[in-house]
Amino acid sequence: MRIPAIALLLPLLSAPAAMASGSVATGGGPQRASAAIDLRIDVPKLLEMSLLGAPGSIEVTASDAAAGEVVVSGFRLAVLANDRRGYVVQAELGGPFTEAVIEGLGQPVRVTPEGARVLMPSMVGSARPRPFELAYRLRVRPGTAPGRYPWPVALSIQSP
């Protein structure tokens, strides 16, 4: 007796359909299986800062020394941070200056020789921000001679 090939293949073709439904036929009856997928996305922390147009030095003229301050502008600070708590701008002051006031960060930041720290708001959910336009008002220490000095303000950013 010859059995057609299609009759032999029919049980094999119906097996994937049975497995797709989640039931498996066994001697004791159908069994059910279920599965869950735990999908998590881990977004790495991003904290980047670029100071654009920052000079390596500053010129203190005789009139600056006599006036007690130097005002400089034209700097840009680009920051990208994805922490929901925001980020911290830290400033350090050096050279022949007793104080610096940085304008353009949303609020004036007063920097002393001990430094300054300012908590900035979160950028999460906002469009990519444009760079901050910064200006510095530097108070010259009395008795400072005119000349060229290293740039006195160092900026950095940190997580809060």
C-alpha atoms as a PDB file:
ATOM      1  CA  MET A   1       0.000   0.000   0.000  1.00  0.00           C
ATOM      2  CA  ARG A   2       1.377   3.288  -1.022  1.00  0.00           C
ATOM      3  CA  ILE A   3       0.678   6.425   1.143  1.00  0.00           C
ATOM      4  CA  PRO A   4       0.755   9.763  -0.665  1.00  0.00           C
ATOM      5  CA  ALA A   5       3.595  12.090   0.442  1.00  0.00           C
ATOM      6  CA  ILE A   6       1.163  14.858   1.287  1.00  0.00           C
ATOM      7  CA  ALA A   7      -0.521  12.646   3.892  1.00  0.00           C
ATOM      8  CA  LEU A   8       2.847  12.201   5.612  1.00  0.00           C
ATOM      9  CA  LEU A   9       3.496  15.969   5.685  1.00  0.00           C
ATOM     10  CA  LEU A  10       0.129  17.073   7.086  1.00  0.00           C
ATOM     11  CA  PRO A  11       0.955  16.311  10.752  1.00  0.00           C
ATOM     12  CA  LEU A  12       4.237  18.233  10.429  1.00  0.00           C
ATOM     13  CA  LEU A  13       2.564  21.281   8.900  1.00  0.00           C
ATOM     14  CA  SER A  14       0.036  21.527  11.719  1.00  0.00           C
ATOM     15  CA  ALA A  15       2.694  21.426  14.497  1.00  0.00           C
ATOM     16  CA  PRO A  16       3.885  25.066  14.158  1.00  0.00           C
ATOM     17  CA  ALA A  17       0.294  26.274  14.355  1.00  0.00           C
ATOM     18  CA  ALA A  18      -0.191  24.376  17.598  1.00  0.00           C
ATOM     19  CA  MET A  19       3.024  25.831  19.069  1.00  0.00           C
ATOM     20  CA  ALA A  20       2.119  29.338  17.997  1.00  0.00           C
ATOM     21  CA  SER A  21      -1.091  29.198  19.992  1.00  0.00           C
ATOM     22  CA  GLY A  22       0.810  28.454  23.205  1.00  0.00           C
ATOM     23  CA  SER A  23      -0.602  24.938  23.671  1.00  0.00           C
ATOM     24  CA  VAL A  24       1.373  21.766  23.362  1.00  0.00           C
ATOM     25  CA  ALA A  25      -0.467  18.486  22.973  1.00  0.00           C
ATOM     26  CA  THR A  26       0.832  15.736  25.261  1.00  0.00           C
ATOM     27  CA  GLY A  27      -0.541  12.490  26.475  1.00  0.00           C
ATOM     28  CA  GLY A  28      -2.209  14.151  29.483  1.00  0.00           C
ATOM     29  CA  GLY A  29      -3.881  17.013  27.597  1.00  0.00           C
ATOM     30  CA  PRO A  30      -2.879  20.519  26.490  1.00  0.00           C
ATOM     31  CA  GLN A  31      -0.393  22.494  28.570  1.00  0.00           C
ATOM     32  CA  ARG A  32      -0.007  26.264  28.556  1.00  0.00           C
ATOM     33  CA  ALA A  33       3.219  28.216  28.550  1.00  0.00           C
ATOM     34  CA  SER A  34       3.695  31.947  28.907  1.00  0.00           C
ATOM     35  CA  ALA A  35       6.633  34.304  28.832  1.00  0.00           C
ATOM     36  CA  ALA A  36       7.328  37.934  29.651  1.00  0.00           C
ATOM     37  CA  ILE A  37       9.875  40.278  28.202  1.00  0.00           C
ATOM     38  CA  ASP A  38      11.521  42.860  30.449  1.00  0.00           C
ATOM     39  CA  LEU A  39      12.756  45.622  28.160  1.00  0.00           C
ATOM     40  CA  ARG A  40      14.919  48.364  29.705  1.00  0.00           C
ATOM     41  CA  ILE A  41      16.771  51.181  28.059  1.00  0.00           C
ATOM     42  CA  ASP A  42      19.809  52.489  29.884  1.00  0.00           C
ATOM     43  CA  VAL A  43      20.636  56.032  28.749  1.00  0.00           C
ATOM     44  CA  PRO A  44      24.237  56.887  29.626  1.00  0.00           C
ATOM     45  CA  LYS A  45      24.780  60.145  31.480  1.00  0.00           C
ATOM     46  CA  LEU A  46      25.914  62.969  29.235  1.00  0.00           C
ATOM     47  CA  LEU A  47      27.814  65.941  30.610  1.00  0.00           C
ATOM     48  CA  GLU A  48      29.717  68.029  28.062  1.00  0.00           C
ATOM     49  CA  MET A  49      31.036  71.581  28.127  1.00  0.00           C
ATOM     50  CA  SER A  50      32.858  73.630  25.509  1.00  0.00           C
ATOM     51  CA  LEU A  51      34.136  77.136  26.135  1.00  0.00           C
ATOM     52  CA  LEU A  52      34.166  78.874  22.764  1.00  0.00           C
ATOM     53  CA  GLY A  53      36.319  81.931  22.153  1.00  0.00           C
ATOM     54  CA  ALA A  54      38.136  81.841  25.488  1.00  0.00           C
ATOM     55  CA  PRO A  55      41.501  83.595  25.475  1.00  0.00           C
ATOM     56  CA  GLY A  56      44.613  82.157  27.058  1.00  0.00           C
ATOM     57  CA  SER A  57      45.447  85.472  28.666  1.00  0.00           C
ATOM     58  CA  ILE A  58      44.084  88.902  29.574  1.00  0.00           C
ATOM     59  CA  GLU A  59      45.646  92.332  29.148  1.00  0.00           C
ATOM     60  CA  VAL A  60      45.375  94.660  32.148  1.00  0.00           C
ATOM     61  CA  THR A  61      46.032  98.231  31.003  1.00  0.00           C
ATOM     62  CA  ALA A  62      47.091 101.128  33.232  1.00  0.00           C
ATOM     63  CA  SER A  63      43.554 102.543  32.999  1.00  0.00           C
ATOM     64  CA  ASP A  64      42.093  99.121  33.965  1.00  0.00           C
ATOM     65  CA  ALA A  65      44.385  98.957  37.003  1.00  0.00           C
ATOM     66  CA  ALA A  66      43.435 102.518  37.983  1.00  0.00           C
ATOM     67  CA  ALA A  67      39.702 101.798  37.540  1.00  0.00           C
ATOM     68  CA  GLY A  68      40.031  98.575  39.529  1.00  0.00           C
ATOM     69  CA  GLU A  69      38.300  96.337  37.001  1.00  0.00           C
ATOM     70  CA  VAL A  70      38.454  94.809  33.556  1.00  0.00           C
ATOM     71  CA  VAL A  71      35.306  93.961  31.580  1.00  0.00           C
ATOM     72  CA  VAL A  72      35.545  91.385  28.806  1.00  0.00           C
ATOM     73  CA  SER A  73      32.823  89.776  26.702  1.00  0.00           C
ATOM     74  CA  GLY A  74      32.368  87.701  23.584  1.00  0.00           C
ATOM     75  CA  PHE A  75      32.705  84.258  25.157  1.00  0.00           C
ATOM     76  CA  ARG A  76      30.282  81.409  24.601  1.00  0.00           C
ATOM     77  CA  LEU A  77      29.734  78.386  26.797  1.00  0.00           C
ATOM     78  CA  ALA A  78      28.088  75.333  25.197  1.00  0.00           C
ATOM     79  CA  VAL A  79      26.704  72.760  27.638  1.00  0.00           C
ATOM     80  CA  LEU A  80      24.905  69.437  27.117  1.00  0.00           C
ATOM     81  CA  ALA A  81      23.643  67.578  30.184  1.00  0.00           C
ATOM     82  CA  ASN A  82      20.911  64.951  30.418  1.00  0.00           C
ATOM     83  CA  ASP A  83      20.594  64.621  34.207  1.00  0.00           C
ATOM     84  CA  ARG A  84      17.031  65.350  35.356  1.00  0.00           C
ATOM     85  CA  ARG A  85      18.484  67.089  38.421  1.00  0.00           C
ATOM     86  CA  GLY A  86      20.337  69.622  36.255  1.00  0.00           C
ATOM     87  CA  TYR A  87      24.079  70.254  36.507  1.00  0.00           C
ATOM     88  CA  VAL A  88      26.528  72.376  38.494  1.00  0.00           C
ATOM     89  CA  VAL A  89      28.777  75.065  37.040  1.00  0.00           C
ATOM     90  CA  GLN A  90      31.917  75.456  39.112  1.00  0.00           C
ATOM     91  CA  ALA A  91      34.205  78.489  38.730  1.00  0.00           C
ATOM     92  CA  GLU A  92      37.711  79.060  40.106  1.00  0.00           C
ATOM     93  CA  LEU A  93      39.513  82.425  40.189  1.00  0.00           C
ATOM     94  CA  GLY A  94      43.234  83.086  40.056  1.00  0.00           C
ATOM     95  CA  GLY A  95      45.742  85.761  39.082  1.00  0.00           C
ATOM     96  CA  PRO A  96      45.724  89.359  40.282  1.00  0.00           C
ATOM     97  CA  PHE A  97      41.950  89.490  40.700  1.00  0.00           C
ATOM     98  CA  THR A  98      39.885  89.606  43.878  1.00  0.00           C
ATOM     99  CA  GLU A  99      36.514  88.839  42.322  1.00  0.00           C
ATOM    100  CA  ALA A 100      34.848  88.000  39.049  1.00  0.00           C
ATOM    101  CA  VAL A 101      31.201  88.366  38.122  1.00  0.00           C
ATOM    102  CA  ILE A 102      30.100  86.152  35.263  1.00  0.00           C
ATOM    103  CA  GLU A 103      26.993  87.329  33.430  1.00  0.00           C
ATOM    104  CA  GLY A 104      25.002  85.321  30.917  1.00  0.00           C
ATOM    105  CA  LEU A 105      24.268  82.097  32.829  1.00  0.00           C
ATOM    106  CA  GLY A 106      20.725  83.154  33.680  1.00  0.00           C
ATOM    107  CA  GLN A 107      21.860  84.807  36.899  1.00  0.00           C
ATOM    108  CA  PRO A 108      25.080  86.683  37.728  1.00  0.00           C
ATOM    109  CA  VAL A 109      27.668  84.387  39.305  1.00  0.00           C
ATOM    110  CA  ARG A 110      30.028  85.957  41.825  1.00  0.00           C
ATOM    111  CA  VAL A 111      33.385  84.167  41.944  1.00  0.00           C
ATOM    112  CA  THR A 112      35.865  84.793  44.757  1.00  0.00           C
ATOM    113  CA  PRO A 113      39.314  83.239  45.258  1.00  0.00           C
ATOM    114  CA  GLU A 114      37.440  80.446  47.103  1.00  0.00           C
ATOM    115  CA  GLY A 115      35.474  79.717  43.919  1.00  0.00           C
ATOM    116  CA  ALA A 116      31.750  79.477  43.193  1.00  0.00           C
ATOM    117  CA  ARG A 117      29.201  76.752  42.480  1.00  0.00           C
ATOM    118  CA  VAL A 118      25.842  77.298  40.787  1.00  0.00           C
ATOM    119  CA  LEU A 119      23.114  74.695  40.255  1.00  0.00           C
ATOM    120  CA  MET A 120      21.699  75.009  36.763  1.00  0.00           C
ATOM    121  CA  PRO A 121      18.269  73.695  35.694  1.00  0.00           C
ATOM    122  CA  SER A 122      17.704  70.437  33.864  1.00  0.00           C
ATOM    123  CA  MET A 123      17.847  70.354  30.067  1.00  0.00           C
ATOM    124  CA  VAL A 124      15.840  67.124  29.821  1.00  0.00           C
ATOM    125  CA  GLY A 125      12.876  67.484  27.495  1.00  0.00           C
ATOM    126  CA  SER A 126      14.143  70.750  25.997  1.00  0.00           C
ATOM    127  CA  ALA A 127      15.495  71.416  22.553  1.00  0.00           C
ATOM    128  CA  ARG A 128      19.267  71.466  22.242  1.00  0.00           C
ATOM    129  CA  PRO A 129      20.231  74.731  23.961  1.00  0.00           C
ATOM    130  CA  ARG A 130      22.140  77.515  22.297  1.00  0.00           C
ATOM    131  CA  PRO A 131      25.464  78.431  23.888  1.00  0.00           C
ATOM    132  CA  PHE A 132      25.422  80.915  26.751  1.00  0.00           C
ATOM    133  CA  GLU A 133      26.827  84.344  25.817  1.00  0.00           C
ATOM    134  CA  LEU A 134      29.182  85.242  28.678  1.00  0.00           C
ATOM    135  CA  ALA A 135      30.711  88.475  29.913  1.00  0.00           C
ATOM    136  CA  TYR A 136      33.187  88.800  32.784  1.00  0.00           C
ATOM    137  CA  ARG A 137      33.662  91.722  35.157  1.00  0.00           C
ATOM    138  CA  LEU A 138      37.033  91.165  36.848  1.00  0.00           C
ATOM    139  CA  ARG A 139      38.028  93.198  39.927  1.00  0.00           C
ATOM    140  CA  VAL A 140      41.744  93.970  39.861  1.00  0.00           C
ATOM    141  CA  ARG A 141      43.705  93.616  43.102  1.00  0.00           C
ATOM    142  CA  PRO A 142      45.004  97.030  44.246  1.00  0.00           C
ATOM    143  CA  GLY A 143      48.633  97.590  43.245  1.00  0.00           C
ATOM    144  CA  THR A 144      48.438  95.280  40.205  1.00  0.00           C
ATOM    145  CA  ALA A 145      50.872  96.366  37.516  1.00  0.00           C
ATOM    146  CA  PRO A 146      49.658  96.684  33.921  1.00  0.00           C
ATOM    147  CA  GLY A 147      50.567  93.698  31.770  1.00  0.00           C
ATOM    148  CA  ARG A 148      49.433  90.395  30.307  1.00  0.00           C
ATOM    149  CA  TYR A 149      48.229  87.728  32.743  1.00  0.00           C
ATOM    150  CA  PRO A 150      46.976  84.150  32.278  1.00  0.00           C
ATOM    151  CA  TRP A 151      43.205  83.916  31.911  1.00  0.00           C
ATOM    152  CA  PRO A 152      42.015  83.947  35.549  1.00  0.00           C
ATOM    153  CA  VAL A 153      38.654  82.100  35.470  1.00  0.00           C
ATOM    154  CA  ALA A 154      38.417  78.318  35.093  1.00  0.00           C
ATOM    155  CA  LEU A 155      34.962  76.849  34.463  1.00  0.00           C
ATOM    156  CA  SER A 156      33.901  73.235  34.803  1.00  0.00           C
ATOM    157  CA  ILE A 157      30.614  71.351  35.066  1.00  0.00           C
ATOM    158  CA  GLN A 158      29.620  68.466  37.324  1.00  0.00           C
ATOM    159  CA  SER A 159      26.609  66.355  38.193  1.00  0.00           C
ATOM    160  CA  PRO A 160      24.615  67.752  41.119  1.00  0.00           C
END
